[in-house]
């Protein structure tokens, strides 16, 4: 089977300022668009069998800019539902919760339409997505590409490696980067991480 490629969307105003951006549908900055365009050679150097993208515009635009116009939109790729921490920075949260850590503590409850997710709930979503990835890898030649969001892709990576969702904390992931998850001796491994071509 082919490899799984992960693309984090390009920069947005909120990612630049460190605001937790779950459901808020902010666009890419011009720098974010350039980050996406720089990934084109990396993506085109591989045979792509299938591609999936988050429904949020920052991910969809990134997918389009790197030439994945036919990517299937999948709601399971949306970012962590930050609930009451939507739009809030870690620095601001720690003013009242000094030891707060997203990957173990989750988020404060939010409004009914965005109540927030626990790390375990994000992990369940990642597992569903990985089942779809495996089905695509089994039915097509080439790799599978996912274009999505930083915290979600970190949890998905942990789950791919057989780790708990909280282990997503181990995988720092910058905007506009490409990662490759492969296998060695039939076991999942990180083959490349946080790859960004030269400017």
C-alpha atoms as a PDB file:
ATOM      1  CA  UNK A   1       0.000   0.000   0.000  1.00  0.00           C
ATOM      2  CA  UNK A   2       1.013   3.595  -0.520  1.00  0.00           C
ATOM      3  CA  UNK A   3       1.905   6.173   2.098  1.00  0.00           C
ATOM      4  CA  UNK A   4      -0.319   8.641   3.890  1.00  0.00           C
ATOM      5  CA  UNK A   5       0.579  12.304   3.344  1.00  0.00           C
ATOM      6  CA  UNK A   6      -0.638  14.979   5.727  1.00  0.00           C
ATOM      7  CA  UNK A   7      -0.811  18.638   4.743  1.00  0.00           C
ATOM      8  CA  UNK A   8      -1.535  21.314   7.298  1.00  0.00           C
ATOM      9  CA  UNK A   9      -3.239  24.321   5.707  1.00  0.00           C
ATOM     10  CA  UNK A  10      -1.319  27.534   5.176  1.00  0.00           C
ATOM     11  CA  UNK A  11      -1.161  30.408   7.608  1.00  0.00           C
ATOM     12  CA  UNK A  12      -4.262  32.342   8.684  1.00  0.00           C
ATOM     13  CA  UNK A  13      -4.453  35.512  10.778  1.00  0.00           C
ATOM     14  CA  UNK A  14      -5.598  33.383  13.713  1.00  0.00           C
ATOM     15  CA  UNK A  15      -2.871  30.749  13.377  1.00  0.00           C
ATOM     16  CA  UNK A  16      -0.291  33.542  13.201  1.00  0.00           C
ATOM     17  CA  UNK A  17      -1.562  35.065  16.460  1.00  0.00           C
ATOM     18  CA  UNK A  18      -1.982  31.703  18.233  1.00  0.00           C
ATOM     19  CA  UNK A  19      -5.761  31.830  18.534  1.00  0.00           C
ATOM     20  CA  UNK A  20      -7.446  28.426  18.714  1.00  0.00           C
ATOM     21  CA  UNK A  21      -9.231  28.118  15.382  1.00  0.00           C
ATOM     22  CA  UNK A  22     -11.717  25.279  15.270  1.00  0.00           C
ATOM     23  CA  UNK A  23     -15.002  26.023  13.541  1.00  0.00           C
ATOM     24  CA  UNK A  24     -14.329  29.707  12.770  1.00  0.00           C
ATOM     25  CA  UNK A  25     -13.923  29.742   9.006  1.00  0.00           C
ATOM     26  CA  UNK A  26     -11.027  32.167   8.583  1.00  0.00           C
ATOM     27  CA  UNK A  27      -9.274  32.453   5.192  1.00  0.00           C
ATOM     28  CA  UNK A  28      -5.604  32.027   4.398  1.00  0.00           C
ATOM     29  CA  UNK A  29      -3.338  35.041   4.514  1.00  0.00           C
ATOM     30  CA  UNK A  30      -1.323  35.832   1.411  1.00  0.00           C
ATOM     31  CA  UNK A  31       1.659  34.276   3.164  1.00  0.00           C
ATOM     32  CA  UNK A  32      -0.487  31.192   3.793  1.00  0.00           C
ATOM     33  CA  UNK A  33      -1.298  30.972   0.095  1.00  0.00           C
ATOM     34  CA  UNK A  34       2.399  31.174  -0.723  1.00  0.00           C
ATOM     35  CA  UNK A  35       3.131  28.427   1.824  1.00  0.00           C
ATOM     36  CA  UNK A  36       0.608  26.224   0.010  1.00  0.00           C
ATOM     37  CA  UNK A  37       2.008  26.997  -3.442  1.00  0.00           C
ATOM     38  CA  UNK A  38       5.508  26.037  -2.307  1.00  0.00           C
ATOM     39  CA  UNK A  39       4.213  22.517  -1.574  1.00  0.00           C
ATOM     40  CA  UNK A  40       3.255  21.883  -5.222  1.00  0.00           C
ATOM     41  CA  UNK A  41       6.549  20.199  -6.234  1.00  0.00           C
ATOM     42  CA  UNK A  42       6.499  17.966  -3.156  1.00  0.00           C
ATOM     43  CA  UNK A  43       2.953  16.814  -3.821  1.00  0.00           C
ATOM     44  CA  UNK A  44       3.387  16.376  -7.575  1.00  0.00           C
ATOM     45  CA  UNK A  45       6.449  14.179  -7.077  1.00  0.00           C
ATOM     46  CA  UNK A  46       4.181  11.399  -5.782  1.00  0.00           C
ATOM     47  CA  UNK A  47       1.406   9.385  -7.384  1.00  0.00           C
ATOM     48  CA  UNK A  48      -1.797  10.329  -5.601  1.00  0.00           C
ATOM     49  CA  UNK A  49      -4.508   7.701  -5.453  1.00  0.00           C
ATOM     50  CA  UNK A  50      -6.983   9.653  -3.311  1.00  0.00           C
ATOM     51  CA  UNK A  51      -7.224  12.949  -1.459  1.00  0.00           C
ATOM     52  CA  UNK A  52      -9.499  14.157   1.328  1.00  0.00           C
ATOM     53  CA  UNK A  53      -9.928  17.682   2.676  1.00  0.00           C
ATOM     54  CA  UNK A  54     -11.580  19.362   5.644  1.00  0.00           C
ATOM     55  CA  UNK A  55     -14.724  21.369   4.815  1.00  0.00           C
ATOM     56  CA  UNK A  56     -13.214  24.578   6.216  1.00  0.00           C
ATOM     57  CA  UNK A  57     -12.086  27.146   3.653  1.00  0.00           C
ATOM     58  CA  UNK A  58      -8.475  27.389   4.854  1.00  0.00           C
ATOM     59  CA  UNK A  59      -8.007  23.678   4.122  1.00  0.00           C
ATOM     60  CA  UNK A  60     -10.030  23.669   0.902  1.00  0.00           C
ATOM     61  CA  UNK A  61      -8.075  26.616  -0.498  1.00  0.00           C
ATOM     62  CA  UNK A  62      -4.794  24.936   0.427  1.00  0.00           C
ATOM     63  CA  UNK A  63      -5.902  21.768  -1.384  1.00  0.00           C
ATOM     64  CA  UNK A  64      -6.834  23.762  -4.472  1.00  0.00           C
ATOM     65  CA  UNK A  65      -3.561  25.700  -4.469  1.00  0.00           C
ATOM     66  CA  UNK A  66      -1.498  22.498  -4.392  1.00  0.00           C
ATOM     67  CA  UNK A  67      -3.540  20.983  -7.225  1.00  0.00           C
ATOM     68  CA  UNK A  68      -5.932  18.660  -5.382  1.00  0.00           C
ATOM     69  CA  UNK A  69      -9.109  19.997  -6.996  1.00  0.00           C
ATOM     70  CA  UNK A  70     -10.782  16.577  -6.833  1.00  0.00           C
ATOM     71  CA  UNK A  71     -10.206  16.084  -3.108  1.00  0.00           C
ATOM     72  CA  UNK A  72     -13.211  14.669  -1.266  1.00  0.00           C
ATOM     73  CA  UNK A  73     -14.554  16.912   1.488  1.00  0.00           C
ATOM     74  CA  UNK A  74     -14.899  14.975   4.745  1.00  0.00           C
ATOM     75  CA  UNK A  75     -16.266  16.448   7.979  1.00  0.00           C
ATOM     76  CA  UNK A  76     -14.153  14.052  10.042  1.00  0.00           C
ATOM     77  CA  UNK A  77     -11.112  16.137   9.012  1.00  0.00           C
ATOM     78  CA  UNK A  78     -12.370  19.330  10.657  1.00  0.00           C
ATOM     79  CA  UNK A  79     -10.264  20.834  13.417  1.00  0.00           C
ATOM     80  CA  UNK A  80     -10.707  20.079  17.126  1.00  0.00           C
ATOM     81  CA  UNK A  81     -13.909  21.654  18.465  1.00  0.00           C
ATOM     82  CA  UNK A  82     -12.424  24.070  20.993  1.00  0.00           C
ATOM     83  CA  UNK A  83     -15.775  24.885  22.597  1.00  0.00           C
ATOM     84  CA  UNK A  84     -15.371  27.812  24.987  1.00  0.00           C
ATOM     85  CA  UNK A  85     -11.739  28.261  23.933  1.00  0.00           C
ATOM     86  CA  UNK A  86     -12.535  29.095  20.307  1.00  0.00           C
ATOM     87  CA  UNK A  87     -10.566  32.193  19.339  1.00  0.00           C
ATOM     88  CA  UNK A  88      -8.639  32.241  22.623  1.00  0.00           C
ATOM     89  CA  UNK A  89      -4.861  31.849  22.900  1.00  0.00           C
ATOM     90  CA  UNK A  90      -3.053  29.451  25.228  1.00  0.00           C
ATOM     91  CA  UNK A  91      -1.521  32.436  27.055  1.00  0.00           C
ATOM     92  CA  UNK A  92      -5.016  33.794  27.769  1.00  0.00           C
ATOM     93  CA  UNK A  93      -6.322  30.407  28.938  1.00  0.00           C
ATOM     94  CA  UNK A  94      -3.398  29.942  31.315  1.00  0.00           C
ATOM     95  CA  UNK A  95      -4.174  33.184  33.116  1.00  0.00           C
ATOM     96  CA  UNK A  96      -6.983  31.291  34.870  1.00  0.00           C
ATOM     97  CA  UNK A  97      -5.755  27.695  34.324  1.00  0.00           C
ATOM     98  CA  UNK A  98      -1.946  27.876  34.673  1.00  0.00           C
ATOM     99  CA  UNK A  99      -1.373  24.155  34.085  1.00  0.00           C
ATOM    100  CA  UNK A 100      -3.853  23.748  31.223  1.00  0.00           C
ATOM    101  CA  UNK A 101      -2.750  21.495  28.360  1.00  0.00           C
ATOM    102  CA  UNK A 102      -5.055  20.828  25.396  1.00  0.00           C
ATOM    103  CA  UNK A 103      -3.980  17.235  24.717  1.00  0.00           C
ATOM    104  CA  UNK A 104      -4.763  16.044  28.243  1.00  0.00           C
ATOM    105  CA  UNK A 105      -7.292  18.546  29.603  1.00  0.00           C
ATOM    106  CA  UNK A 106      -9.503  19.190  26.591  1.00  0.00           C
ATOM    107  CA  UNK A 107     -11.458  22.433  26.427  1.00  0.00           C
ATOM    108  CA  UNK A 108     -14.038  24.474  28.312  1.00  0.00           C
ATOM    109  CA  UNK A 109     -17.676  23.850  27.298  1.00  0.00           C
ATOM    110  CA  UNK A 110     -18.944  26.037  24.496  1.00  0.00           C
ATOM    111  CA  UNK A 111     -22.343  26.901  22.983  1.00  0.00           C
ATOM    112  CA  UNK A 112     -24.740  24.108  21.915  1.00  0.00           C
ATOM    113  CA  UNK A 113     -23.585  24.174  18.284  1.00  0.00           C
ATOM    114  CA  UNK A 114     -19.906  23.902  19.318  1.00  0.00           C
ATOM    115  CA  UNK A 115     -19.823  22.258  22.758  1.00  0.00           C
ATOM    116  CA  UNK A 116     -16.147  21.268  22.570  1.00  0.00           C
ATOM    117  CA  UNK A 117     -14.409  17.911  22.207  1.00  0.00           C
ATOM    118  CA  UNK A 118     -12.329  15.816  24.567  1.00  0.00           C
ATOM    119  CA  UNK A 119      -9.030  14.370  23.335  1.00  0.00           C
ATOM    120  CA  UNK A 120     -10.740  10.978  23.215  1.00  0.00           C
ATOM    121  CA  UNK A 121     -13.532  12.284  20.980  1.00  0.00           C
ATOM    122  CA  UNK A 122     -10.989  13.761  18.579  1.00  0.00           C
ATOM    123  CA  UNK A 123      -9.203  10.403  18.646  1.00  0.00           C
ATOM    124  CA  UNK A 124     -12.426   8.601  17.697  1.00  0.00           C
ATOM    125  CA  UNK A 125     -12.839  10.944  14.750  1.00  0.00           C
ATOM    126  CA  UNK A 126      -9.236  10.310  13.725  1.00  0.00           C
ATOM    127  CA  UNK A 127      -9.849   6.553  13.883  1.00  0.00           C
ATOM    128  CA  UNK A 128     -12.861   6.912  11.575  1.00  0.00           C
ATOM    129  CA  UNK A 129     -10.756   8.913   9.143  1.00  0.00           C
ATOM    130  CA  UNK A 130      -7.960   6.364   9.224  1.00  0.00           C
ATOM    131  CA  UNK A 131     -10.443   3.610   8.363  1.00  0.00           C
ATOM    132  CA  UNK A 132     -11.381   5.614   5.254  1.00  0.00           C
ATOM    133  CA  UNK A 133      -7.701   6.117   4.443  1.00  0.00           C
ATOM    134  CA  UNK A 134      -7.025   2.384   4.694  1.00  0.00           C
ATOM    135  CA  UNK A 135      -9.988   1.633   2.427  1.00  0.00           C
ATOM    136  CA  UNK A 136      -8.670   4.130  -0.125  1.00  0.00           C
ATOM    137  CA  UNK A 137      -5.134   2.733   0.081  1.00  0.00           C
ATOM    138  CA  UNK A 138      -6.454  -0.795  -0.461  1.00  0.00           C
ATOM    139  CA  UNK A 139      -8.530   0.146  -3.493  1.00  0.00           C
ATOM    140  CA  UNK A 140      -6.177   2.428  -5.401  1.00  0.00           C
ATOM    141  CA  UNK A 141      -2.565   2.681  -6.446  1.00  0.00           C
ATOM    142  CA  UNK A 142      -0.572   5.541  -5.025  1.00  0.00           C
ATOM    143  CA  UNK A 143      -0.667   7.484  -1.798  1.00  0.00           C
ATOM    144  CA  UNK A 144      -3.498   9.180   0.063  1.00  0.00           C
ATOM    145  CA  UNK A 145      -3.315  12.879   0.942  1.00  0.00           C
ATOM    146  CA  UNK A 146      -5.204  14.558   3.791  1.00  0.00           C
ATOM    147  CA  UNK A 147      -5.418  18.361   3.928  1.00  0.00           C
ATOM    148  CA  UNK A 148      -6.558  19.504   7.333  1.00  0.00           C
ATOM    149  CA  UNK A 149      -5.593  21.197  10.597  1.00  0.00           C
ATOM    150  CA  UNK A 150      -2.727  21.149  13.065  1.00  0.00           C
ATOM    151  CA  UNK A 151      -4.179  19.703  16.243  1.00  0.00           C
ATOM    152  CA  UNK A 152      -6.392  17.198  14.460  1.00  0.00           C
ATOM    153  CA  UNK A 153      -3.535  15.909  12.287  1.00  0.00           C
ATOM    154  CA  UNK A 154      -1.347  15.538  15.371  1.00  0.00           C
ATOM    155  CA  UNK A 155      -3.975  13.343  17.029  1.00  0.00           C
ATOM    156  CA  UNK A 156      -4.458  11.392  13.798  1.00  0.00           C
ATOM    157  CA  UNK A 157      -0.701  10.755  13.668  1.00  0.00           C
ATOM    158  CA  UNK A 158      -0.707   9.459  17.229  1.00  0.00           C
ATOM    159  CA  UNK A 159      -3.570   7.099  16.452  1.00  0.00           C
ATOM    160  CA  UNK A 160      -1.858   5.883  13.247  1.00  0.00           C
ATOM    161  CA  UNK A 161       1.167   4.966  15.365  1.00  0.00           C
ATOM    162  CA  UNK A 162      -0.970   3.127  17.921  1.00  0.00           C
ATOM    163  CA  UNK A 163      -0.621   5.848  20.552  1.00  0.00           C
ATOM    164  CA  UNK A 164      -3.349   7.532  22.632  1.00  0.00           C
ATOM    165  CA  UNK A 165      -4.787  10.837  21.376  1.00  0.00           C
ATOM    166  CA  UNK A 166      -2.815  12.732  24.049  1.00  0.00           C
ATOM    167  CA  UNK A 167       0.413  11.669  22.302  1.00  0.00           C
ATOM    168  CA  UNK A 168      -0.453  14.135  19.540  1.00  0.00           C
ATOM    169  CA  UNK A 169       1.353  16.593  21.810  1.00  0.00           C
ATOM    170  CA  UNK A 170       4.636  15.041  20.663  1.00  0.00           C
ATOM    171  CA  UNK A 171       4.258  16.091  17.018  1.00  0.00           C
ATOM    172  CA  UNK A 172       4.690  19.834  16.515  1.00  0.00           C
ATOM    173  CA  UNK A 173       3.197  20.786  13.150  1.00  0.00           C
ATOM    174  CA  UNK A 174       3.712  24.100  11.354  1.00  0.00           C
ATOM    175  CA  UNK A 175       1.396  25.689   8.793  1.00  0.00           C
ATOM    176  CA  UNK A 176       2.006  24.927   5.139  1.00  0.00           C
ATOM    177  CA  UNK A 177       3.974  21.740   5.752  1.00  0.00           C
ATOM    178  CA  UNK A 178       3.885  18.161   4.463  1.00  0.00           C
ATOM    179  CA  UNK A 179       4.308  14.990   6.517  1.00  0.00           C
ATOM    180  CA  UNK A 180       4.541  11.374   5.378  1.00  0.00           C
ATOM    181  CA  UNK A 181       3.409   8.355   7.351  1.00  0.00           C
ATOM    182  CA  UNK A 182       4.603   5.048   5.946  1.00  0.00           C
ATOM    183  CA  UNK A 183       5.474   1.558   7.130  1.00  0.00           C
ATOM    184  CA  UNK A 184       8.593  -0.344   8.056  1.00  0.00           C
ATOM    185  CA  UNK A 185       8.333  -4.126   8.476  1.00  0.00           C
ATOM    186  CA  UNK A 186       4.544  -3.724   8.219  1.00  0.00           C
ATOM    187  CA  UNK A 187       4.431  -1.328  11.166  1.00  0.00           C
ATOM    188  CA  UNK A 188       3.423   2.356  10.883  1.00  0.00           C
ATOM    189  CA  UNK A 189       6.244   4.893  11.073  1.00  0.00           C
ATOM    190  CA  UNK A 190       6.882   8.586  10.497  1.00  0.00           C
ATOM    191  CA  UNK A 191       8.830   8.762   7.233  1.00  0.00           C
ATOM    192  CA  UNK A 192       9.011  12.583   7.036  1.00  0.00           C
ATOM    193  CA  UNK A 193       7.718  15.363   9.272  1.00  0.00           C
ATOM    194  CA  UNK A 194       7.094  19.099   8.982  1.00  0.00           C
ATOM    195  CA  UNK A 195       8.638  19.263   5.509  1.00  0.00           C
ATOM    196  CA  UNK A 196       8.675  22.694   3.945  1.00  0.00           C
ATOM    197  CA  UNK A 197      10.504  23.341   0.679  1.00  0.00           C
ATOM    198  CA  UNK A 198      12.977  26.230   0.487  1.00  0.00           C
ATOM    199  CA  UNK A 199      11.448  29.636  -0.158  1.00  0.00           C
END
